Amino acid sequence: MIKYLGTKKTDQGGTVYVFLINGLQKEIREGSLKQYPGCYEALPPSAKAKISANRAWFQKL
């Protein structure tokens, strides 16, 4: 079971996504979402749009 709980800012200014995975709270960075199957799909559309915008910006560099 995977449930999206929200986002959290790190001390360095980054964003981590907070999930409840099989009863355990996990904080997952954007780049690590691929390592946790089902987490990206559990994100709300607004979070997916933000990730998409971040990836588009990064590709321009």
Protein backbone atom coordinates (compact mmCIF):
# COMPACT_ATOMS: atom_id res chain seq x y z
CA MET A 1 0.00 0.00 0.00
CA ILE A 2 1.36 3.40 -1.00
CA LYS A 3 -0.19 6.66 0.12
CA TYR A 4 1.10 10.15 -0.68
CA LEU A 5 1.28 12.34 2.45
CA GLY A 6 2.82 15.55 1.10
CA THR A 7 6.10 17.33 0.50
CA LYS A 8 8.79 18.54 2.84
CA LYS A 9 11.62 21.05 2.38
CA THR A 10 15.14 20.00 3.31
CA ASP A 11 17.68 22.23 5.05
CA GLN A 12 19.43 22.72 1.70
CA GLY A 13 16.22 23.97 0.04
CA GLY A 14 15.35 20.77 -1.81
CA THR A 15 12.01 19.03 -1.84
CA VAL A 16 11.30 15.49 -0.73
CA TYR A 17 8.05 13.64 -1.20
CA VAL A 18 6.62 11.92 1.86
CA PHE A 19 4.85 8.58 1.40
CA LEU A 20 3.36 5.94 3.64
CA ILE A 21 4.66 2.65 2.22
CA ASN A 22 3.38 -0.51 3.88
CA GLY A 23 2.89 1.35 7.15
CA LEU A 24 6.31 3.03 7.16
CA GLN A 25 6.86 6.72 6.41
CA LYS A 26 9.46 7.29 3.69
CA GLU A 27 10.91 10.57 2.44
CA ILE A 28 11.89 10.19 -1.21
CA ARG A 29 13.81 12.66 -3.35
CA GLU A 30 12.59 13.39 -6.86
CA GLY A 31 15.51 11.54 -8.44
CA SER A 32 14.82 8.43 -6.36
CA LEU A 33 11.16 7.98 -7.30
CA LYS A 34 12.12 5.33 -9.87
CA GLN A 35 13.51 3.14 -7.07
CA TYR A 36 10.09 2.90 -5.40
CA PRO A 37 7.55 1.36 -7.81
CA GLY A 38 4.11 2.91 -7.52
CA CYS A 39 5.19 6.12 -5.78
CA TYR A 40 5.16 8.29 -8.91
CA GLU A 41 1.69 7.02 -9.78
CA ALA A 42 0.48 7.90 -6.25
CA LEU A 43 1.46 11.57 -6.66
CA PRO A 44 -1.29 14.14 -7.26
CA PRO A 45 -1.39 15.84 -10.68
CA SER A 46 0.09 19.07 -9.28
CA ALA A 47 3.20 17.26 -8.01
CA LYS A 48 3.59 15.41 -11.32
CA ALA A 49 3.38 18.75 -13.16
CA LYS A 50 6.08 20.23 -10.93
CA ILE A 51 8.38 17.25 -11.56
CA SER A 52 7.74 17.53 -15.28
CA ALA A 53 8.61 21.24 -15.22
CA ASN A 54 11.80 20.52 -13.26
CA ARG A 55 12.86 17.90 -15.80
CA ALA A 56 12.16 20.24 -18.73
CA TRP A 57 14.21 22.99 -17.08
CA PHE A 58 17.08 20.59 -16.37
CA GLN A 59 17.18 19.38 -19.99
CA LYS A 60 17.73 22.98 -21.15
CA LEU A 61 21.02 23.20 -19.27
